[in-house]
Protein backbone atom coordinates (compact mmCIF):
# COMPACT_ATOMS: atom_id res chain seq x y z
CA MET A 1 58.75 -20.23 -49.62
CA LYS A 2 61.51 -17.88 -50.38
CA ALA A 3 60.45 -14.85 -52.69
CA ILE A 4 64.02 -13.07 -52.67
CA GLU A 5 67.43 -14.66 -52.11
CA VAL A 6 70.09 -12.34 -52.48
CA LYS A 7 73.57 -14.27 -51.88
CA ASN A 8 77.33 -12.80 -51.59
CA VAL A 9 76.24 -9.80 -54.13
CA ILE A 10 79.24 -7.51 -54.80
CA LYS A 11 78.85 -4.26 -56.90
CA LYS A 12 81.97 -2.47 -58.04
CA TYR A 13 82.12 0.66 -59.95
CA LYS A 14 84.90 2.55 -61.64
CA LEU A 15 85.67 6.30 -60.23
CA TYR A 16 87.69 8.14 -62.85
CA GLU A 17 89.00 11.54 -62.59
CA ASN A 18 88.38 12.52 -66.12
CA GLN A 19 87.20 11.02 -69.48
CA LYS A 20 90.73 10.65 -70.59
CA GLU A 21 91.25 8.48 -67.68
CA ARG A 22 88.18 6.31 -68.61
CA LEU A 23 89.39 5.81 -72.05
CA LEU A 24 92.93 4.78 -71.29
CA ASP A 25 91.28 2.15 -68.44
CA LEU A 26 89.36 0.65 -71.77
CA LEU A 27 92.45 0.71 -74.12
CA LEU A 28 95.19 -0.13 -72.08
CA PRO A 29 96.12 -3.01 -69.74
CA LYS A 30 97.31 -0.96 -66.81
CA ASN A 31 94.25 -0.33 -64.65
CA TYR A 32 93.24 3.38 -64.21
CA GLY A 33 90.57 5.10 -62.09
CA ASP A 34 89.86 3.89 -58.24
CA ASP A 35 87.35 0.94 -57.49
CA PHE A 36 84.36 1.90 -55.70
CA PHE A 37 82.39 -0.84 -54.10
CA ALA A 38 78.57 0.18 -53.70
CA LEU A 39 77.84 -3.12 -52.15
CA ALA A 40 80.37 -5.66 -50.37
CA ASP A 41 79.11 -9.22 -49.91
CA VAL A 42 75.63 -8.46 -49.24
CA SER A 43 73.22 -11.58 -48.53
CA PHE A 44 69.68 -11.67 -46.88
CA THR A 45 66.67 -13.61 -47.84
CA ALA A 46 62.80 -12.52 -47.90
CA ASP A 47 60.14 -14.95 -47.69
CA LYS A 48 56.80 -14.53 -49.80
CA GLY A 49 54.75 -11.89 -48.25
CA ASP A 50 57.58 -9.94 -46.36
CA VAL A 51 57.82 -6.28 -46.55
CA VAL A 52 61.39 -5.78 -46.30
CA GLY A 53 62.33 -2.02 -45.54
CA PHE A 54 65.82 -0.97 -46.54
CA VAL A 55 67.49 1.77 -44.28
CA GLY A 56 70.70 3.40 -44.11
CA ILE A 57 72.28 6.76 -44.43
CA ASN A 58 73.12 8.07 -47.83
CA GLY A 59 75.62 6.12 -49.78
CA SER A 60 74.90 2.98 -48.18
CA GLY A 61 73.85 1.06 -51.32
CA LYS A 62 70.17 0.92 -50.71
CA SER A 63 69.25 2.06 -54.49
CA THR A 64 72.06 0.02 -55.97
CA LEU A 65 70.27 -3.16 -54.31
CA SER A 66 67.02 -2.11 -55.12
CA ASN A 67 68.35 -1.99 -58.71
CA ILE A 68 69.93 -5.31 -58.62
CA ILE A 69 66.94 -6.92 -57.44
CA ALA A 70 64.71 -5.65 -59.63
CA GLY A 71 67.36 -6.70 -62.74
CA ILE A 72 68.11 -3.16 -63.67
CA VAL A 73 71.74 -3.46 -63.06
CA PRO A 74 73.74 -6.48 -62.95
CA PRO A 75 75.91 -7.57 -59.77
CA THR A 76 79.68 -7.50 -60.30
CA THR A 77 79.48 -11.04 -58.44
CA GLY A 78 77.13 -12.67 -56.55
CA GLU A 79 73.57 -14.21 -57.09
CA VAL A 80 69.93 -13.01 -56.77
CA LYS A 81 67.11 -15.33 -57.26
CA LEU A 82 63.60 -14.36 -57.29
CA ASN A 83 60.28 -16.39 -57.34
CA GLY A 84 58.22 -14.08 -59.53
CA GLU A 85 58.39 -11.08 -61.48
CA ALA A 86 59.42 -7.74 -60.02
CA ALA A 87 58.82 -4.15 -60.72
CA LEU A 88 60.56 -1.22 -59.51
CA ILE A 89 58.73 1.91 -58.59
CA ALA A 90 61.41 4.81 -58.43
CA VAL A 91 61.33 8.56 -59.64
CA ALA A 92 61.36 8.46 -63.53
CA SER A 93 62.16 4.45 -63.47
CA GLY A 94 62.18 3.21 -67.04
CA LEU A 95 60.08 6.62 -68.38
CA LYS A 96 61.13 8.21 -71.42
CA GLY A 97 61.36 11.92 -71.39
CA GLU A 98 60.41 12.80 -75.08
CA LEU A 99 57.44 10.41 -75.02
CA SER A 100 54.07 11.35 -73.48
CA GLY A 101 52.82 9.72 -70.29
CA ARG A 102 50.30 7.77 -72.40
CA ASP A 103 52.91 6.55 -74.68
CA ASN A 104 54.99 5.65 -71.78
CA ILE A 105 52.34 3.51 -70.35
CA GLU A 106 51.78 1.62 -73.61
CA LEU A 107 55.43 1.21 -74.02
CA LYS A 108 56.45 -0.40 -70.65
CA MET A 109 53.41 -2.47 -70.74
CA LEU A 110 54.17 -3.72 -74.24
CA MET A 111 57.68 -4.51 -72.94
CA LEU A 112 55.78 -6.38 -70.08
CA GLY A 113 54.00 -8.75 -72.41
CA PHE A 114 50.52 -7.04 -72.31
CA ARG A 115 48.66 -7.11 -75.53
CA ARG A 116 47.18 -3.56 -76.94
CA GLU A 117 43.81 -4.53 -76.16
CA GLU A 118 44.65 -5.08 -72.57
CA ILE A 119 46.53 -1.83 -72.31
CA LYS A 120 43.44 0.13 -73.54
CA GLU A 121 41.34 -1.44 -70.79
CA LEU A 122 43.96 -0.71 -68.06
CA GLU A 123 44.79 2.70 -69.28
CA PRO A 124 42.19 4.80 -67.77
CA GLU A 125 42.60 3.17 -64.25
CA ILE A 126 46.39 3.91 -64.41
CA ILE A 127 45.33 7.46 -65.58
CA GLU A 128 42.93 8.10 -62.49
CA PHE A 129 45.17 6.48 -60.00
CA ALA A 130 48.15 8.86 -61.26
CA GLU A 131 45.97 12.00 -61.16
CA LEU A 132 47.42 12.95 -64.48
CA GLU A 133 44.26 13.58 -66.52
CA LYS A 134 45.18 16.99 -67.66
CA PHE A 135 48.59 16.14 -68.56
CA ILE A 136 48.86 12.66 -69.58
CA ASP A 137 49.56 13.70 -73.32
CA GLN A 138 52.31 16.01 -72.44
CA PRO A 139 55.80 14.84 -72.52
CA VAL A 140 57.49 13.25 -69.48
CA LYS A 141 60.62 15.55 -69.39
CA SER A 142 57.96 18.48 -68.61
CA TYR A 143 56.57 16.47 -65.55
CA SER A 144 57.44 17.44 -61.79
CA SER A 145 59.34 14.68 -59.88
CA GLY A 146 56.20 14.00 -58.30
CA MET A 147 54.22 13.40 -61.41
CA LYS A 148 56.67 11.15 -62.56
CA SER A 149 56.79 9.22 -59.35
CA ARG A 150 52.80 9.19 -59.49
CA LEU A 151 52.98 7.98 -62.86
CA GLY A 152 55.42 4.95 -62.65
CA PHE A 153 53.63 3.94 -59.21
CA ALA A 154 50.28 4.12 -60.87
CA ILE A 155 51.80 1.77 -63.88
CA SER A 156 53.53 -0.72 -61.35
CA VAL A 157 50.53 -1.34 -59.13
CA THR A 158 48.21 -1.68 -61.91
CA ILE A 159 50.15 -4.71 -63.66
CA ASN A 160 50.18 -6.57 -60.24
CA PRO A 161 53.88 -7.79 -59.91
CA ASP A 162 54.73 -10.59 -57.70
CA ILE A 163 57.65 -8.48 -56.12
CA LEU A 164 57.20 -4.78 -55.91
CA ILE A 165 60.12 -2.52 -54.99
CA ILE A 166 59.38 1.20 -54.20
CA ASP A 167 62.58 3.09 -54.01
CA GLU A 168 62.05 6.61 -52.37
CA ALA A 169 58.86 6.91 -54.56
CA LEU A 170 56.75 8.19 -52.09
CA SER A 171 59.01 10.77 -50.70
CA VAL A 172 57.98 13.08 -53.67
CA GLY A 173 54.65 14.75 -54.40
CA ASP A 174 51.89 15.57 -51.98
CA LYS A 175 50.89 13.78 -48.70
CA ALA A 176 47.34 12.91 -49.88
CA PHE A 177 48.92 10.68 -52.73
CA ALA A 178 51.42 8.90 -50.73
CA GLU A 179 48.41 8.19 -48.17
CA LYS A 180 46.83 6.53 -51.17
CA SER A 181 50.04 4.63 -52.29
CA LEU A 182 50.46 3.26 -48.80
CA ALA A 183 46.90 1.96 -49.03
CA LYS A 184 47.33 0.61 -52.30
CA MET A 185 50.51 -1.08 -50.77
CA LYS A 186 48.65 -2.64 -47.84
CA GLU A 187 46.17 -4.20 -50.41
CA PHE A 188 49.22 -5.93 -52.07
CA LYS A 189 50.31 -7.11 -48.37
CA ALA A 190 47.16 -8.45 -47.71
CA ALA A 191 47.14 -10.24 -51.03
CA GLY A 192 50.62 -11.99 -50.00
CA LYS A 193 52.72 -9.81 -52.09
CA THR A 194 56.31 -9.13 -51.37
CA MET A 195 57.69 -6.20 -51.17
CA ILE A 196 60.82 -4.06 -50.82
CA PHE A 197 60.17 -0.55 -49.38
CA VAL A 198 63.22 2.18 -49.49
CA SER A 199 62.59 5.37 -47.54
CA HIS A 200 64.05 7.71 -45.14
CA SER A 201 60.67 7.92 -43.47
CA ILE A 202 61.04 5.89 -39.82
CA GLY A 203 57.13 6.57 -39.68
CA GLN A 204 56.41 4.86 -42.86
CA MET A 205 58.69 1.85 -42.09
CA LYS A 206 57.15 1.24 -38.64
CA ARG A 207 53.50 1.34 -40.21
CA PHE A 208 54.12 -0.74 -42.93
CA CYS A 209 57.27 -3.12 -43.15
CA ASP A 210 57.79 -6.43 -41.09
CA LYS A 211 61.49 -6.56 -41.44
CA ILE A 212 64.26 -4.05 -41.96
CA LEU A 213 67.61 -4.48 -43.76
CA TRP A 214 70.17 -1.98 -42.45
CA LEU A 215 72.82 -1.26 -45.04
CA GLU A 216 75.71 0.71 -43.94
CA TYR A 217 78.50 1.66 -46.54
CA GLY A 218 77.72 -1.22 -48.81
CA MET A 219 77.62 -3.77 -46.15
CA VAL A 220 74.46 -5.51 -44.14
CA LYS A 221 74.75 -3.80 -40.63
CA ASP A 222 71.72 -5.57 -39.23
CA TYR A 223 68.72 -7.61 -40.77
CA GLY A 224 65.65 -8.72 -38.90
CA PRO A 225 62.15 -7.68 -37.37
CA VAL A 226 61.16 -4.27 -37.38
CA ASP A 227 60.79 -3.79 -33.57
CA GLU A 228 64.57 -5.19 -33.23
CA VAL A 229 66.33 -3.31 -36.06
CA LEU A 230 64.69 -0.10 -36.20
CA PRO A 231 65.17 0.95 -32.81
CA LYS A 232 68.71 0.38 -33.04
CA TYR A 233 68.85 2.61 -36.27
CA GLU A 234 66.74 5.27 -34.90
CA GLU A 235 69.58 5.74 -32.14
CA PHE A 236 72.21 5.76 -34.58
CA VAL A 237 70.83 8.05 -36.86
CA ASN A 238 70.13 10.29 -33.61
CA SER A 239 73.87 10.01 -32.66
CA PHE A 240 75.15 10.36 -36.22
CA ARG A 241 73.47 13.71 -36.84
CA LYS A 242 75.24 15.02 -33.90
CA MET A 243 78.73 14.31 -35.07
CA SER A 244 80.76 17.04 -36.41
CA LYS A 245 82.20 16.87 -39.84
CA LYS A 246 85.48 15.41 -38.46
CA GLU A 247 83.56 12.80 -36.49
CA LYS A 248 81.52 11.73 -39.53
CA ASP A 249 84.67 11.43 -41.55
CA ALA A 250 86.53 9.03 -39.23
CA TYR A 251 83.73 7.15 -38.91
CA ARG A 252 83.56 6.46 -42.69
CA GLN A 253 87.09 5.74 -42.71
CA LYS A 254 86.39 3.02 -40.27
CA ALA A 255 83.47 1.75 -42.27
CA ALA A 256 85.86 1.60 -45.36
CA GLU A 257 88.47 -0.04 -43.41
CA ARG A 258 85.74 -2.87 -42.40
CA GLN A 259 84.84 -3.05 -46.01
CA ASN A 260 88.21 -3.70 -47.38
CA GLU A 261 88.70 -6.69 -44.52
CA ARG A 262 85.44 -8.11 -45.72
CA LEU A 263 86.14 -7.81 -49.23
CA ALA A 264 89.84 -9.54 -48.79
CA ALA A 265 88.55 -12.46 -46.40
CA LYS A 266 86.23 -13.02 -49.24
CA ARG A 267 89.03 -12.95 -51.86
CA ARG A 268 90.85 -15.50 -49.39
CA THR A 269 87.73 -17.69 -49.12
CA LEU A 270 87.46 -17.69 -53.01
CA ARG A 271 91.14 -18.79 -53.23
CA ARG A 272 90.84 -21.52 -50.83
CA LYS A 273 87.80 -23.07 -52.80
CA ARG A 274 89.62 -23.21 -55.93
């Protein structure tokens, strides 16, 4: 059974030089600003129970795709189908800075349809898992990034979603909490939950994931089993790190050209279908 189906997803943003250009683009028929494609025709599927790792150098679209799958931002075009409820865990994701940690727990769970009695019952478990007993009644804006991540993780794993999306949430905070979180994720994996795991840690990917989606500048470079895709990605990262700035710029330029070619081919296909 397919848990996640991502089909031909494109995400376009507009880049403006200043606020005036942004306003002119809203008010006048002429286009202002430059188009930036964070994702360019991305497709992949994940079966129920799959743990899929998203890899790619910075700017490849990993977080954008995570947010689209979680329903936080819409795709410009394309389709995402989920078989079940999804929860995104990212640093400060969905947390209100002015509210306390306790109030954030209540607000987030009310939005997810939990009754107040259920929230009161689950709240101690969430606070204990997040290790925030002394700080739970302080405003979240005073939390460190690690504390925010712990709170977001604790809420999401306690509500027991069908699909869990973890975006760099274990890259902040202490190693002990990361280990505890990985242990909790292994419980989810054993229970047949579907997970998306975004991390720069190759070691965590090897330990935890079944499949790897390699994104490169908004495009799918490769997708398949960990032992097939991850060695190729590691080899690429090692060679990319050794490149000079000039070589990296040239590589990015070639990637941009490939992206333009793919988008042009997509437009031609759509015109033919009409």
